[in-house]
Amino acid sequence: AAPARVSSVFLTSDKVAPQPENTTVTFTAKATGGVGPLQYKFFVIEGGKTTAQPWSTSNTFTWVPTVARPHYRISVWVKSAGNPADHYEALTEVYFAIKKR
């Protein structure tokens, strides 16, 4: 049988958008399925894709945006332990607005 894959992931934040510039926002990923310890990779997307936190077992990402923008996308990729691919088994993203102070 194939190894269990991550079937879904949800992303929550400790603050409600919009937030002012230079505010610390922590995102937490909650994944279902897969083989632990799960691996997480976070991105902040505005235009191109930017890796904000490389693959790790940490399901949290702390972000301090310095530029006000209405449509940041915070994305998380999740994969099982032992999966060598730089690719997700599940992903999700949320939009988060940052306003001028």
C-alpha atoms as a PDB file:
ATOM      1  CA  ALA A   1       0.000   0.000   0.000  1.00  0.00           C
ATOM      2  CA  ALA A   2       1.132   3.551  -0.681  1.00  0.00           C
ATOM      3  CA  PRO A   3       2.119   5.564   2.375  1.00  0.00           C
ATOM      4  CA  ALA A   4      -0.565   7.790   3.843  1.00  0.00           C
ATOM      5  CA  ARG A   5      -0.512  11.283   2.399  1.00  0.00           C
ATOM      6  CA  VAL A   6      -1.540  14.545   3.986  1.00  0.00           C
ATOM      7  CA  SER A   7      -5.196  14.889   2.982  1.00  0.00           C
ATOM      8  CA  SER A   8      -5.920  18.477   3.977  1.00  0.00           C
ATOM      9  CA  VAL A   9      -4.537  21.505   5.756  1.00  0.00           C
ATOM     10  CA  PHE A  10      -6.140  24.598   7.263  1.00  0.00           C
ATOM     11  CA  LEU A  11      -4.409  27.888   8.064  1.00  0.00           C
ATOM     12  CA  THR A  12      -5.442  30.265  10.834  1.00  0.00           C
ATOM     13  CA  SER A  13      -3.950  33.518  12.107  1.00  0.00           C
ATOM     14  CA  ASP A  14      -3.782  34.967  15.604  1.00  0.00           C
ATOM     15  CA  LYS A  15      -5.021  38.360  14.368  1.00  0.00           C
ATOM     16  CA  VAL A  16      -7.844  39.467  12.074  1.00  0.00           C
ATOM     17  CA  ALA A  17      -7.016  41.330   8.836  1.00  0.00           C
ATOM     18  CA  PRO A  18      -6.368  44.099   8.135  1.00  0.00           C
ATOM     19  CA  GLN A  19      -3.485  44.808  10.485  1.00  0.00           C
ATOM     20  CA  PRO A  20      -1.135  47.811  10.435  1.00  0.00           C
ATOM     21  CA  GLU A  21       2.393  47.558   9.042  1.00  0.00           C
ATOM     22  CA  ASN A  22       5.059  46.163  11.393  1.00  0.00           C
ATOM     23  CA  THR A  23       2.514  44.103  13.334  1.00  0.00           C
ATOM     24  CA  THR A  24       3.538  40.546  14.208  1.00  0.00           C
ATOM     25  CA  VAL A  25       1.050  38.000  12.858  1.00  0.00           C
ATOM     26  CA  THR A  26       1.399  34.285  13.594  1.00  0.00           C
ATOM     27  CA  PHE A  27      -0.130  31.703  11.254  1.00  0.00           C
ATOM     28  CA  THR A  28      -0.775  28.124  12.367  1.00  0.00           C
ATOM     29  CA  ALA A  29      -1.297  25.188  10.004  1.00  0.00           C
ATOM     30  CA  LYS A  30      -3.438  22.235  11.071  1.00  0.00           C
ATOM     31  CA  ALA A  31      -3.011  19.224   8.797  1.00  0.00           C
ATOM     32  CA  THR A  32      -4.925  15.940   8.536  1.00  0.00           C
ATOM     33  CA  GLY A  33      -3.371  12.625   7.512  1.00  0.00           C
ATOM     34  CA  GLY A  34       0.176  11.910   6.423  1.00  0.00           C
ATOM     35  CA  VAL A  35       3.130  10.380   8.226  1.00  0.00           C
ATOM     36  CA  GLY A  36       4.617  12.409  11.060  1.00  0.00           C
ATOM     37  CA  PRO A  37       6.491  14.426  11.835  1.00  0.00           C
ATOM     38  CA  LEU A  38       4.878  16.457   9.084  1.00  0.00           C
ATOM     39  CA  GLN A  39       6.950  19.000   7.150  1.00  0.00           C
ATOM     40  CA  TYR A  40       5.683  22.546   6.493  1.00  0.00           C
ATOM     41  CA  LYS A  41       6.854  25.227   4.058  1.00  0.00           C
ATOM     42  CA  PHE A  42       5.372  28.732   4.182  1.00  0.00           C
ATOM     43  CA  PHE A  43       5.174  31.369   1.442  1.00  0.00           C
ATOM     44  CA  VAL A  44       4.203  35.036   1.323  1.00  0.00           C
ATOM     45  CA  ILE A  45       2.859  35.782  -2.135  1.00  0.00           C
ATOM     46  CA  GLU A  46       2.473  39.239  -3.639  1.00  0.00           C
ATOM     47  CA  GLY A  47       3.254  39.041  -7.310  1.00  0.00           C
ATOM     48  CA  GLY A  48       5.867  36.239  -7.381  1.00  0.00           C
ATOM     49  CA  LYS A  49       6.125  33.394  -4.897  1.00  0.00           C
ATOM     50  CA  THR A  50       8.540  33.960  -2.028  1.00  0.00           C
ATOM     51  CA  THR A  51       9.597  31.282   0.428  1.00  0.00           C
ATOM     52  CA  ALA A  52       9.065  32.773   3.862  1.00  0.00           C
ATOM     53  CA  GLN A  53       9.993  29.702   5.889  1.00  0.00           C
ATOM     54  CA  PRO A  54      11.727  26.656   4.368  1.00  0.00           C
ATOM     55  CA  TRP A  55      10.676  23.060   5.039  1.00  0.00           C
ATOM     56  CA  SER A  56      10.597  22.336   8.769  1.00  0.00           C
ATOM     57  CA  THR A  57       8.515  20.484  11.320  1.00  0.00           C
ATOM     58  CA  SER A  58       7.193  23.801  12.672  1.00  0.00           C
ATOM     59  CA  ASN A  59       3.516  24.311  11.834  1.00  0.00           C
ATOM     60  CA  THR A  60       3.682  28.003  12.751  1.00  0.00           C
ATOM     61  CA  PHE A  61       4.954  30.984  10.786  1.00  0.00           C
ATOM     62  CA  THR A  62       5.533  34.413  12.313  1.00  0.00           C
ATOM     63  CA  TRP A  63       5.315  37.312   9.882  1.00  0.00           C
ATOM     64  CA  VAL A  64       6.094  41.006  10.350  1.00  0.00           C
ATOM     65  CA  PRO A  65       4.983  42.764   7.136  1.00  0.00           C
ATOM     66  CA  THR A  66       6.632  46.119   6.510  1.00  0.00           C
ATOM     67  CA  VAL A  67       4.662  47.246   3.435  1.00  0.00           C
ATOM     68  CA  ALA A  68       0.927  47.958   3.332  1.00  0.00           C
ATOM     69  CA  ARG A  69      -0.779  45.858   0.648  1.00  0.00           C
ATOM     70  CA  PRO A  70      -4.410  44.738   0.343  1.00  0.00           C
ATOM     71  CA  HIS A  71      -3.875  41.227  -1.022  1.00  0.00           C
ATOM     72  CA  TYR A  72      -0.973  39.325   0.524  1.00  0.00           C
ATOM     73  CA  ARG A  73      -1.429  35.567   0.133  1.00  0.00           C
ATOM     74  CA  ILE A  74      -0.012  33.404   2.887  1.00  0.00           C
ATOM     75  CA  SER A  75       0.397  29.844   1.651  1.00  0.00           C
ATOM     76  CA  VAL A  76       1.512  26.649   3.359  1.00  0.00           C
ATOM     77  CA  TRP A  77       2.672  23.403   1.782  1.00  0.00           C
ATOM     78  CA  VAL A  78       2.573  20.222   3.857  1.00  0.00           C
ATOM     79  CA  LYS A  79       4.142  16.814   3.225  1.00  0.00           C
ATOM     80  CA  SER A  80       4.822  13.628   5.153  1.00  0.00           C
ATOM     81  CA  ALA A  81       8.093  12.805   6.892  1.00  0.00           C
ATOM     82  CA  GLY A  82      10.432  11.002   4.529  1.00  0.00           C
ATOM     83  CA  ASN A  83       8.981  12.617   1.398  1.00  0.00           C
ATOM     84  CA  PRO A  84      12.062  13.997  -0.416  1.00  0.00           C
ATOM     85  CA  ALA A  85      10.140  16.023  -3.031  1.00  0.00           C
ATOM     86  CA  ASP A  86      10.125  19.826  -2.858  1.00  0.00           C
ATOM     87  CA  HIS A  87       6.374  19.680  -3.405  1.00  0.00           C
ATOM     88  CA  TYR A  88       3.231  19.515  -1.319  1.00  0.00           C
ATOM     89  CA  GLU A  89       0.874  16.679  -0.509  1.00  0.00           C
ATOM     90  CA  ALA A  90      -1.665  19.308   0.588  1.00  0.00           C
ATOM     91  CA  LEU A  91      -1.693  23.074   0.465  1.00  0.00           C
ATOM     92  CA  THR A  92      -3.887  25.975   1.376  1.00  0.00           C
ATOM     93  CA  GLU A  93      -3.651  29.744   1.372  1.00  0.00           C
ATOM     94  CA  VAL A  94      -5.346  32.711   2.960  1.00  0.00           C
ATOM     95  CA  TYR A  95      -5.481  36.352   1.933  1.00  0.00           C
ATOM     96  CA  PHE A  96      -4.323  38.897   4.494  1.00  0.00           C
ATOM     97  CA  ALA A  97      -4.491  42.695   4.174  1.00  0.00           C
ATOM     98  CA  ILE A  98      -1.921  45.034   5.696  1.00  0.00           C
ATOM     99  CA  LYS A  99      -2.809  48.722   6.085  1.00  0.00           C
ATOM    100  CA  LYS A 100      -0.787  51.866   6.670  1.00  0.00           C
ATOM    101  CA  ARG A 101      -0.121  52.682  10.300  1.00  0.00           C
END
